[in-house]
Amino acid sequence: MENLGSAAIGLCNPKSPSNVGAVMRAAGCYGASAIFYSGTRFERAAKYHTDTRNVNQSIALTPVTSFVGLTSPSQKLICIELAEGATPLPEFIHPEHALYVFGPEDSSIDQATIDAADAVVYIPTIGCMNLAATVNVLLYDRMAKQNRDINHPELIKQSRDVNNRLVFNKP
């Protein structure tokens, strides 16, 4: 598959280990390159992690003090937040290389990070979504908007559970 850029994830002070585990699974499913997190709440709860696919063995989960200055020169800092002036996700054009920063479950991304961002994007839902659901939607949108050459039958065979051998043969 051709090089389609890289996507890294930043989580602002996540509190729920189940959400972080689900974010790690999403990162593995959509090919994210790294996951960063700020704050201390996750570390206190990490022993209850739910990374059911052991993605932590292939994608680093790294603590940081700030997301500002974390990007490389070719990477854009994109905040995903319900902020006035944010671009709706259906209208957003993803950069080739991005660090997507998501707010905590019970608060917001700090203003300094928003001010340093190259873009702020929101998902137009009624009310706010769960952190892990938001990461999944964003990464799916990124994948769906890329021009990928995918061998779908092979991808299905590689991705499904070992107990799944379903076939749909309806014309």
N, C-alpha and C. Protein backbone atom coordinates (compact mmCIF):
# COMPACT_ATOMS: atom_id res chain seq x y z
N MET A 1 0.85 -1.18 0.00
CA MET A 1 0.00 0.00 0.00
C MET A 1 0.90 1.24 0.00
N GLU A 2 0.51 2.25 -0.75
CA GLU A 2 1.29 3.47 -0.86
C GLU A 2 1.34 4.20 0.48
N ASN A 3 2.35 5.07 0.63
CA ASN A 3 2.48 5.85 1.86
C ASN A 3 1.37 6.90 1.91
N LEU A 4 0.54 6.83 2.92
CA LEU A 4 -0.57 7.75 3.06
C LEU A 4 -0.37 8.70 4.22
N GLY A 5 0.84 8.84 4.69
CA GLY A 5 1.09 9.75 5.79
C GLY A 5 0.96 9.05 7.12
N SER A 6 1.08 9.84 8.17
CA SER A 6 1.02 9.28 9.51
C SER A 6 0.03 10.05 10.36
N ALA A 7 -0.57 9.32 11.27
CA ALA A 7 -1.50 9.91 12.22
C ALA A 7 -1.09 9.47 13.62
N ALA A 8 -0.86 10.45 14.48
CA ALA A 8 -0.59 10.18 15.89
C ALA A 8 -1.75 10.75 16.69
N ILE A 9 -1.93 10.24 17.89
CA ILE A 9 -3.05 10.62 18.74
C ILE A 9 -2.53 11.21 20.03
N GLY A 10 -3.13 12.30 20.46
CA GLY A 10 -2.83 12.90 21.75
C GLY A 10 -4.09 12.92 22.60
N LEU A 11 -4.01 12.45 23.82
CA LEU A 11 -5.15 12.41 24.74
C LEU A 11 -4.86 13.33 25.92
N CYS A 12 -5.70 14.33 26.10
CA CYS A 12 -5.52 15.27 27.21
C CYS A 12 -6.08 14.68 28.50
N ASN A 13 -5.21 14.39 29.43
CA ASN A 13 -5.57 13.92 30.76
C ASN A 13 -6.74 12.94 30.77
N PRO A 14 -6.61 11.82 30.04
CA PRO A 14 -7.72 10.86 30.03
C PRO A 14 -7.92 10.24 31.40
N LYS A 15 -9.16 9.99 31.77
CA LYS A 15 -9.42 9.44 33.11
C LYS A 15 -9.80 7.98 33.07
N SER A 16 -10.28 7.50 31.95
CA SER A 16 -10.84 6.16 31.90
C SER A 16 -9.89 5.19 31.21
N PRO A 17 -9.40 4.19 31.93
CA PRO A 17 -8.52 3.20 31.30
C PRO A 17 -9.25 2.41 30.21
N SER A 18 -10.55 2.23 30.35
CA SER A 18 -11.28 1.53 29.29
C SER A 18 -11.30 2.36 28.02
N ASN A 19 -11.44 3.68 28.14
CA ASN A 19 -11.38 4.53 26.96
C ASN A 19 -9.99 4.50 26.32
N VAL A 20 -8.95 4.55 27.13
CA VAL A 20 -7.59 4.52 26.58
C VAL A 20 -7.35 3.18 25.89
N GLY A 21 -7.81 2.11 26.48
CA GLY A 21 -7.70 0.80 25.85
C GLY A 21 -8.42 0.75 24.51
N ALA A 22 -9.62 1.32 24.46
CA ALA A 22 -10.37 1.36 23.21
C ALA A 22 -9.70 2.28 22.19
N VAL A 23 -9.07 3.37 22.65
CA VAL A 23 -8.32 4.24 21.75
C VAL A 23 -7.13 3.47 21.18
N MET A 24 -6.45 2.69 22.01
CA MET A 24 -5.32 1.90 21.53
C MET A 24 -5.77 0.90 20.47
N ARG A 25 -6.92 0.29 20.70
CA ARG A 25 -7.44 -0.65 19.70
C ARG A 25 -7.75 0.08 18.39
N ALA A 26 -8.38 1.26 18.47
CA ALA A 26 -8.66 2.05 17.27
C ALA A 26 -7.36 2.42 16.56
N ALA A 27 -6.35 2.81 17.32
CA ALA A 27 -5.05 3.16 16.73
C ALA A 27 -4.49 2.00 15.94
N GLY A 28 -4.62 0.80 16.48
CA GLY A 28 -4.15 -0.38 15.77
C GLY A 28 -4.97 -0.66 14.52
N CYS A 29 -6.27 -0.52 14.62
CA CYS A 29 -7.16 -0.79 13.48
C CYS A 29 -6.91 0.18 12.33
N TYR A 30 -6.65 1.43 12.64
CA TYR A 30 -6.51 2.46 11.60
C TYR A 30 -5.06 2.84 11.32
N GLY A 31 -4.11 2.15 11.93
CA GLY A 31 -2.71 2.36 11.61
C GLY A 31 -2.09 3.63 12.16
N ALA A 32 -2.54 4.10 13.31
CA ALA A 32 -1.91 5.27 13.92
C ALA A 32 -0.48 4.92 14.32
N SER A 33 0.39 5.91 14.30
CA SER A 33 1.80 5.67 14.55
C SER A 33 2.20 5.76 16.02
N ALA A 34 1.45 6.53 16.82
CA ALA A 34 1.81 6.72 18.23
C ALA A 34 0.62 7.29 18.98
N ILE A 35 0.64 7.10 20.29
CA ILE A 35 -0.36 7.69 21.18
C ILE A 35 0.38 8.39 22.31
N PHE A 36 0.04 9.65 22.53
CA PHE A 36 0.60 10.43 23.63
C PHE A 36 -0.52 10.79 24.58
N TYR A 37 -0.20 10.94 25.84
CA TYR A 37 -1.22 11.39 26.80
C TYR A 37 -0.59 12.33 27.81
N SER A 38 -1.41 13.26 28.27
CA SER A 38 -0.97 14.19 29.30
C SER A 38 -1.74 13.92 30.58
N GLY A 39 -1.30 14.52 31.65
CA GLY A 39 -2.00 14.36 32.93
C GLY A 39 -1.60 13.10 33.66
N THR A 40 -2.19 12.93 34.84
CA THR A 40 -1.81 11.80 35.71
C THR A 40 -2.94 10.82 35.98
N ARG A 41 -4.15 11.16 35.57
CA ARG A 41 -5.28 10.28 35.92
C ARG A 41 -5.15 8.90 35.29
N PHE A 42 -4.70 8.84 34.04
CA PHE A 42 -4.60 7.54 33.39
C PHE A 42 -3.57 6.65 34.07
N GLU A 43 -2.42 7.20 34.44
CA GLU A 43 -1.39 6.39 35.07
C GLU A 43 -1.89 5.73 36.36
N ARG A 44 -2.72 6.45 37.11
CA ARG A 44 -3.27 5.88 38.35
C ARG A 44 -4.22 4.72 38.05
N ALA A 45 -4.89 4.77 36.88
CA ALA A 45 -5.88 3.75 36.55
C ALA A 45 -5.36 2.72 35.56
N ALA A 46 -4.12 2.86 35.10
CA ALA A 46 -3.60 2.03 34.00
C ALA A 46 -3.60 0.54 34.30
N LYS A 47 -3.55 0.17 35.56
CA LYS A 47 -3.51 -1.26 35.86
C LYS A 47 -4.79 -1.96 35.43
N TYR A 48 -5.82 -1.20 35.14
CA TYR A 48 -7.09 -1.78 34.69
C TYR A 48 -7.24 -1.71 33.18
N HIS A 49 -6.13 -1.59 32.46
CA HIS A 49 -6.19 -1.31 31.02
C HIS A 49 -7.01 -2.38 30.29
N THR A 50 -7.54 -1.97 29.12
CA THR A 50 -8.36 -2.87 28.33
C THR A 50 -7.90 -2.90 26.88
N ASP A 51 -6.62 -2.94 26.67
CA ASP A 51 -6.05 -3.03 25.32
C ASP A 51 -6.16 -4.49 24.90
N THR A 52 -7.34 -4.88 24.43
CA THR A 52 -7.62 -6.29 24.17
C THR A 52 -6.83 -6.88 23.01
N ARG A 53 -6.25 -6.06 22.18
CA ARG A 53 -5.45 -6.54 21.05
C ARG A 53 -3.95 -6.37 21.28
N ASN A 54 -3.56 -5.98 22.49
CA ASN A 54 -2.15 -5.77 22.84
C ASN A 54 -1.44 -4.84 21.85
N VAL A 55 -2.13 -3.78 21.47
CA VAL A 55 -1.58 -2.80 20.55
C VAL A 55 -0.36 -2.12 21.17
N ASN A 56 -0.32 -2.07 22.50
CA ASN A 56 0.81 -1.41 23.17
C ASN A 56 2.14 -2.06 22.83
N GLN A 57 2.13 -3.24 22.25
CA GLN A 57 3.37 -3.89 21.83
C GLN A 57 3.87 -3.35 20.49
N SER A 58 3.00 -2.67 19.72
CA SER A 58 3.42 -2.15 18.42
C SER A 58 3.26 -0.64 18.28
N ILE A 59 2.45 -0.01 19.14
CA ILE A 59 2.27 1.44 19.11
C ILE A 59 2.59 1.98 20.50
N ALA A 60 3.52 2.90 20.55
CA ALA A 60 3.94 3.45 21.84
C ALA A 60 2.83 4.28 22.48
N LEU A 61 2.66 4.16 23.78
CA LEU A 61 1.77 4.98 24.59
C LEU A 61 2.69 5.78 25.51
N THR A 62 2.84 7.07 25.20
CA THR A 62 3.88 7.88 25.82
C THR A 62 3.30 9.06 26.60
N PRO A 63 3.71 9.22 27.87
CA PRO A 63 3.27 10.41 28.62
C PRO A 63 4.03 11.64 28.16
N VAL A 64 3.34 12.78 28.11
CA VAL A 64 3.95 14.06 27.76
C VAL A 64 3.42 15.14 28.69
N THR A 65 4.13 16.23 28.82
CA THR A 65 3.63 17.33 29.64
C THR A 65 2.81 18.30 28.82
N SER A 66 3.06 18.34 27.49
CA SER A 66 2.33 19.26 26.62
C SER A 66 2.34 18.72 25.20
N PHE A 67 1.31 19.05 24.43
CA PHE A 67 1.27 18.68 23.02
C PHE A 67 1.85 19.78 22.14
N VAL A 68 1.97 20.98 22.70
CA VAL A 68 2.55 22.11 21.98
C VAL A 68 4.04 21.85 21.81
N GLY A 69 4.52 21.94 20.60
CA GLY A 69 5.93 21.69 20.31
C GLY A 69 6.26 20.23 20.10
N LEU A 70 5.29 19.35 20.20
CA LEU A 70 5.53 17.92 20.06
C LEU A 70 5.61 17.49 18.60
N THR A 71 5.01 18.25 17.69
CA THR A 71 4.96 17.86 16.29
C THR A 71 6.28 18.14 15.58
N SER A 72 6.51 17.37 14.53
CA SER A 72 7.67 17.62 13.67
C SER A 72 7.30 18.72 12.68
N PRO A 73 8.28 19.28 11.95
CA PRO A 73 7.97 20.37 11.01
C PRO A 73 6.93 19.98 9.93
N SER A 74 6.90 18.72 9.52
CA SER A 74 5.96 18.31 8.48
C SER A 74 4.59 17.87 9.04
N GLN A 75 4.47 17.85 10.35
CA GLN A 75 3.25 17.35 11.01
C GLN A 75 2.40 18.52 11.50
N LYS A 76 1.09 18.40 11.33
CA LYS A 76 0.15 19.44 11.77
C LYS A 76 -0.48 19.03 13.11
N LEU A 77 -0.70 20.02 13.96
CA LEU A 77 -1.37 19.82 15.25
C LEU A 77 -2.85 20.12 15.02
N ILE A 78 -3.68 19.10 15.15
CA ILE A 78 -5.11 19.21 14.91
C ILE A 78 -5.84 18.87 16.21
N CYS A 79 -6.60 19.82 16.74
CA CYS A 79 -7.38 19.58 17.95
C CYS A 79 -8.79 19.16 17.57
N ILE A 80 -9.31 18.16 18.25
CA ILE A 80 -10.67 17.69 18.04
C ILE A 80 -11.45 18.11 19.28
N GLU A 81 -12.30 19.11 19.11
CA GLU A 81 -12.96 19.70 20.27
C GLU A 81 -14.21 20.46 19.85
N LEU A 82 -15.18 20.53 20.74
CA LEU A 82 -16.37 21.35 20.53
C LEU A 82 -16.01 22.78 20.89
N ALA A 83 -15.40 23.47 19.92
CA ALA A 83 -14.95 24.85 20.13
C ALA A 83 -15.60 25.75 19.09
N GLU A 84 -15.99 26.92 19.52
CA GLU A 84 -16.54 27.89 18.59
C GLU A 84 -15.49 28.19 17.51
N GLY A 85 -15.92 28.21 16.27
CA GLY A 85 -15.02 28.46 15.16
C GLY A 85 -14.38 27.20 14.58
N ALA A 86 -14.65 26.04 15.17
CA ALA A 86 -14.07 24.78 14.69
C ALA A 86 -14.68 24.39 13.34
N THR A 87 -13.91 23.66 12.55
CA THR A 87 -14.34 23.16 11.25
C THR A 87 -15.12 21.85 11.45
N PRO A 88 -16.29 21.71 10.83
CA PRO A 88 -17.01 20.44 10.93
C PRO A 88 -16.21 19.32 10.24
N LEU A 89 -16.15 18.16 10.84
CA LEU A 89 -15.37 17.04 10.31
C LEU A 89 -15.71 16.72 8.85
N PRO A 90 -16.98 16.72 8.42
CA PRO A 90 -17.24 16.41 7.01
C PRO A 90 -16.57 17.38 6.03
N GLU A 91 -16.26 18.58 6.47
CA GLU A 91 -15.63 19.59 5.61
C GLU A 91 -14.11 19.62 5.74
N PHE A 92 -13.57 18.88 6.68
CA PHE A 92 -12.14 18.95 6.99
C PHE A 92 -11.32 18.11 6.02
N ILE A 93 -10.22 18.68 5.54
CA ILE A 93 -9.26 17.95 4.71
C ILE A 93 -8.07 17.60 5.60
N HIS A 94 -7.86 16.31 5.80
CA HIS A 94 -6.80 15.85 6.69
C HIS A 94 -5.42 16.11 6.08
N PRO A 95 -4.48 16.59 6.89
CA PRO A 95 -3.11 16.73 6.40
C PRO A 95 -2.44 15.37 6.26
N GLU A 96 -1.38 15.32 5.49
CA GLU A 96 -0.68 14.05 5.29
C GLU A 96 -0.16 13.50 6.62
N HIS A 97 0.42 14.37 7.43
CA HIS A 97 0.96 13.97 8.73
C HIS A 97 0.28 14.82 9.81
N ALA A 98 -0.29 14.16 10.80
CA ALA A 98 -1.03 14.91 11.81
C ALA A 98 -0.87 14.29 13.19
N LEU A 99 -0.91 15.18 14.18
CA LEU A 99 -1.09 14.79 15.58
C LEU A 99 -2.47 15.30 15.95
N TYR A 100 -3.39 14.37 16.16
CA TYR A 100 -4.77 14.70 16.53
C TYR A 100 -4.88 14.69 18.04
N VAL A 101 -5.25 15.82 18.63
CA VAL A 101 -5.35 15.95 20.09
C VAL A 101 -6.82 15.98 20.48
N PHE A 102 -7.18 15.13 21.42
CA PHE A 102 -8.56 14.99 21.89
C PHE A 102 -8.66 15.44 23.34
N GLY A 103 -9.73 16.14 23.66
CA GLY A 103 -9.95 16.61 25.02
C GLY A 103 -10.32 15.47 25.96
N PRO A 104 -10.26 15.73 27.26
CA PRO A 104 -10.62 14.72 28.25
C PRO A 104 -12.14 14.49 28.28
N GLU A 105 -12.52 13.40 28.90
CA GLU A 105 -13.92 13.00 28.96
C GLU A 105 -14.79 14.02 29.70
N ASP A 106 -14.19 14.77 30.61
CA ASP A 106 -14.99 15.63 31.49
C ASP A 106 -14.53 17.08 31.49
N SER A 107 -13.83 17.50 30.42
CA SER A 107 -13.34 18.87 30.37
C SER A 107 -13.03 19.21 28.92
N SER A 108 -12.06 20.10 28.70
CA SER A 108 -11.71 20.55 27.36
C SER A 108 -10.19 20.60 27.21
N ILE A 109 -9.76 20.68 25.95
CA ILE A 109 -8.35 20.92 25.65
C ILE A 109 -8.02 22.33 26.17
N ASP A 110 -6.83 22.51 26.72
CA ASP A 110 -6.48 23.83 27.25
C ASP A 110 -6.33 24.85 26.12
N GLN A 111 -6.57 26.10 26.43
CA GLN A 111 -6.57 27.17 25.43
C GLN A 111 -5.22 27.32 24.74
N ALA A 112 -4.12 27.09 25.47
CA ALA A 112 -2.78 27.21 24.87
C ALA A 112 -2.60 26.20 23.74
N THR A 113 -3.11 25.01 23.91
CA THR A 113 -3.02 23.99 22.85
C THR A 113 -3.89 24.38 21.67
N ILE A 114 -5.10 24.85 21.96
CA ILE A 114 -6.00 25.33 20.90
C ILE A 114 -5.33 26.46 20.12
N ASP A 115 -4.71 27.41 20.83
CA ASP A 115 -4.05 28.54 20.19
C ASP A 115 -2.87 28.10 19.30
N ALA A 116 -2.20 27.02 19.66
CA ALA A 116 -1.05 26.53 18.90
C ALA A 116 -1.46 25.62 17.74
N ALA A 117 -2.72 25.23 17.69
CA ALA A 117 -3.19 24.27 16.69
C ALA A 117 -3.18 24.85 15.28
N ASP A 118 -2.96 23.97 14.31
CA ASP A 118 -3.08 24.33 12.90
C ASP A 118 -4.55 24.33 12.48
N ALA A 119 -5.36 23.53 13.18
CA ALA A 119 -6.80 23.49 12.91
C ALA A 119 -7.50 22.93 14.14
N VAL A 120 -8.76 23.32 14.31
CA VAL A 120 -9.63 22.73 15.33
C VAL A 120 -10.84 22.19 14.58
N VAL A 121 -11.17 20.94 14.87
CA VAL A 121 -12.22 20.22 14.16
C VAL A 121 -13.22 19.72 15.18
N TYR A 122 -14.50 19.73 14.80
CA TYR A 122 -15.50 19.12 15.67
C TYR A 122 -16.34 18.15 14.87
N ILE A 123 -16.88 17.16 15.55
CA ILE A 123 -17.77 16.18 14.93
C ILE A 123 -19.19 16.63 15.21
N PRO A 124 -19.96 16.94 14.16
CA PRO A 124 -21.29 17.52 14.35
C PRO A 124 -22.33 16.49 14.81
N THR A 125 -22.33 16.26 16.11
CA THR A 125 -23.32 15.38 16.74
C THR A 125 -24.18 16.22 17.68
N ILE A 126 -25.25 15.65 18.12
CA ILE A 126 -26.07 16.29 19.15
C ILE A 126 -25.50 15.84 20.48
N GLY A 127 -24.87 16.72 21.20
CA GLY A 127 -24.18 16.35 22.43
C GLY A 127 -22.78 15.86 22.11
N CYS A 128 -22.03 15.55 23.15
CA CYS A 128 -20.66 15.11 22.94
C CYS A 128 -20.57 13.58 22.98
N MET A 129 -19.58 13.07 22.26
CA MET A 129 -19.38 11.62 22.20
C MET A 129 -18.34 11.19 23.23
N ASN A 130 -18.32 9.92 23.47
CA ASN A 130 -17.32 9.27 24.28
C ASN A 130 -15.95 9.45 23.62
N LEU A 131 -14.89 9.56 24.41
CA LEU A 131 -13.54 9.78 23.90
C LEU A 131 -13.15 8.73 22.87
N ALA A 132 -13.29 7.46 23.20
CA ALA A 132 -12.88 6.41 22.27
C ALA A 132 -13.72 6.43 21.00
N ALA A 133 -15.02 6.71 21.13
CA ALA A 133 -15.87 6.80 19.94
C ALA A 133 -15.42 7.95 19.05
N THR A 134 -15.04 9.07 19.64
CA THR A 134 -14.57 10.22 18.89
C THR A 134 -13.30 9.89 18.12
N VAL A 135 -12.36 9.20 18.76
CA VAL A 135 -11.13 8.80 18.09
C VAL A 135 -11.44 7.88 16.92
N ASN A 136 -12.34 6.92 17.13
CA ASN A 136 -12.71 6.00 16.05
C ASN A 136 -13.32 6.75 14.87
N VAL A 137 -14.24 7.67 15.13
CA VAL A 137 -14.88 8.41 14.05
C VAL A 137 -13.85 9.24 13.28
N LEU A 138 -12.97 9.92 13.99
CA LEU A 138 -11.96 10.76 13.35
C LEU A 138 -11.03 9.91 12.48
N LEU A 139 -10.52 8.81 13.03
CA LEU A 139 -9.60 7.97 12.26
C LEU A 139 -10.29 7.31 11.08
N TYR A 140 -11.56 6.94 11.24
CA TYR A 140 -12.31 6.39 10.11
C TYR A 140 -12.46 7.45 9.02
N ASP A 141 -12.80 8.67 9.41
CA ASP A 141 -12.95 9.75 8.44
C ASP A 141 -11.64 9.98 7.68
N ARG A 142 -10.54 9.96 8.39
CA ARG A 142 -9.23 10.12 7.74
C ARG A 142 -9.01 9.02 6.71
N MET A 143 -9.27 7.77 7.10
CA MET A 143 -9.08 6.65 6.20
C MET A 143 -10.03 6.75 4.99
N ALA A 144 -11.30 7.07 5.24
CA ALA A 144 -12.30 7.12 4.18
C ALA A 144 -11.98 8.20 3.14
N LYS A 145 -11.34 9.28 3.57
CA LYS A 145 -11.02 10.38 2.65
C LYS A 145 -9.70 10.17 1.91
N GLN A 146 -8.95 9.15 2.27
CA GLN A 146 -7.69 8.87 1.58
C GLN A 146 -7.98 7.98 0.38
N ASN A 147 -7.19 8.11 -0.63
CA ASN A 147 -7.34 7.28 -1.82
C ASN A 147 -6.49 6.03 -1.63
N ARG A 148 -7.10 5.01 -1.05
CA ARG A 148 -6.36 3.79 -0.73
C ARG A 148 -6.67 2.69 -1.73
N ASP A 149 -5.66 1.94 -2.06
CA ASP A 149 -5.82 0.76 -2.89
C ASP A 149 -5.88 -0.43 -1.94
N ILE A 150 -7.09 -0.94 -1.69
CA ILE A 150 -7.28 -1.99 -0.70
C ILE A 150 -7.78 -3.26 -1.38
N ASN A 151 -7.17 -4.37 -1.05
CA ASN A 151 -7.66 -5.68 -1.48
C ASN A 151 -8.67 -6.10 -0.41
N HIS A 152 -9.95 -5.78 -0.64
CA HIS A 152 -10.98 -5.98 0.39
C HIS A 152 -11.15 -7.44 0.80
N PRO A 153 -11.21 -8.41 -0.13
CA PRO A 153 -11.35 -9.81 0.33
C PRO A 153 -10.20 -10.23 1.25
N GLU A 154 -8.98 -9.83 0.92
CA GLU A 154 -7.83 -10.19 1.75
C GLU A 154 -7.88 -9.47 3.09
N LEU A 155 -8.27 -8.19 3.08
CA LEU A 155 -8.36 -7.44 4.33
C LEU A 155 -9.39 -8.07 5.28
N ILE A 156 -10.52 -8.49 4.74
CA ILE A 156 -11.54 -9.16 5.57
C ILE A 156 -10.96 -10.42 6.19
N LYS A 157 -10.27 -11.23 5.41
CA LYS A 157 -9.69 -12.48 5.91
C LYS A 157 -8.66 -12.22 7.01
N GLN A 158 -7.85 -11.17 6.84
CA GLN A 158 -6.81 -10.85 7.81
C GLN A 158 -7.36 -10.22 9.08
N SER A 159 -8.47 -9.51 8.98
CA SER A 159 -8.97 -8.71 10.09
C SER A 159 -9.96 -9.42 10.99
N ARG A 160 -10.65 -10.40 10.47
CA ARG A 160 -11.73 -11.00 11.25
C ARG A 160 -11.20 -11.93 12.34
N ASP A 161 -12.05 -12.20 13.29
CA ASP A 161 -11.77 -13.10 14.40
C ASP A 161 -11.57 -14.52 13.88
N VAL A 162 -10.79 -15.31 14.58
CA VAL A 162 -10.51 -16.69 14.15
C VAL A 162 -11.77 -17.55 14.05
N ASN A 163 -12.81 -17.19 14.78
CA ASN A 163 -14.06 -17.96 14.73
C ASN A 163 -15.02 -17.49 13.64
N ASN A 164 -14.66 -16.50 12.89
CA ASN A 164 -15.53 -15.93 11.85
C ASN A 164 -15.09 -16.44 10.49
N ARG A 165 -15.96 -17.20 9.87
CA ARG A 165 -15.71 -17.70 8.51
C ARG A 165 -16.91 -17.40 7.61
N LEU A 166 -17.61 -16.32 7.90
CA LEU A 166 -18.81 -15.94 7.16
C LEU A 166 -18.50 -15.57 5.71
N VAL A 167 -19.43 -15.93 4.81
CA VAL A 167 -19.34 -15.59 3.40
C VAL A 167 -20.71 -15.11 2.96
N PHE A 168 -20.76 -14.03 2.19
CA PHE A 168 -22.00 -13.52 1.63
C PHE A 168 -21.94 -13.69 0.13
N ASN A 169 -22.81 -14.54 -0.43
CA ASN A 169 -22.75 -14.88 -1.85
C ASN A 169 -23.94 -14.40 -2.63
N LYS A 170 -24.76 -13.55 -2.09
CA LYS A 170 -25.94 -13.05 -2.79
C LYS A 170 -25.51 -12.16 -3.95
N PRO A 171 -26.07 -12.38 -5.15
CA PRO A 171 -25.67 -11.54 -6.31
C PRO A 171 -26.13 -10.11 -6.20
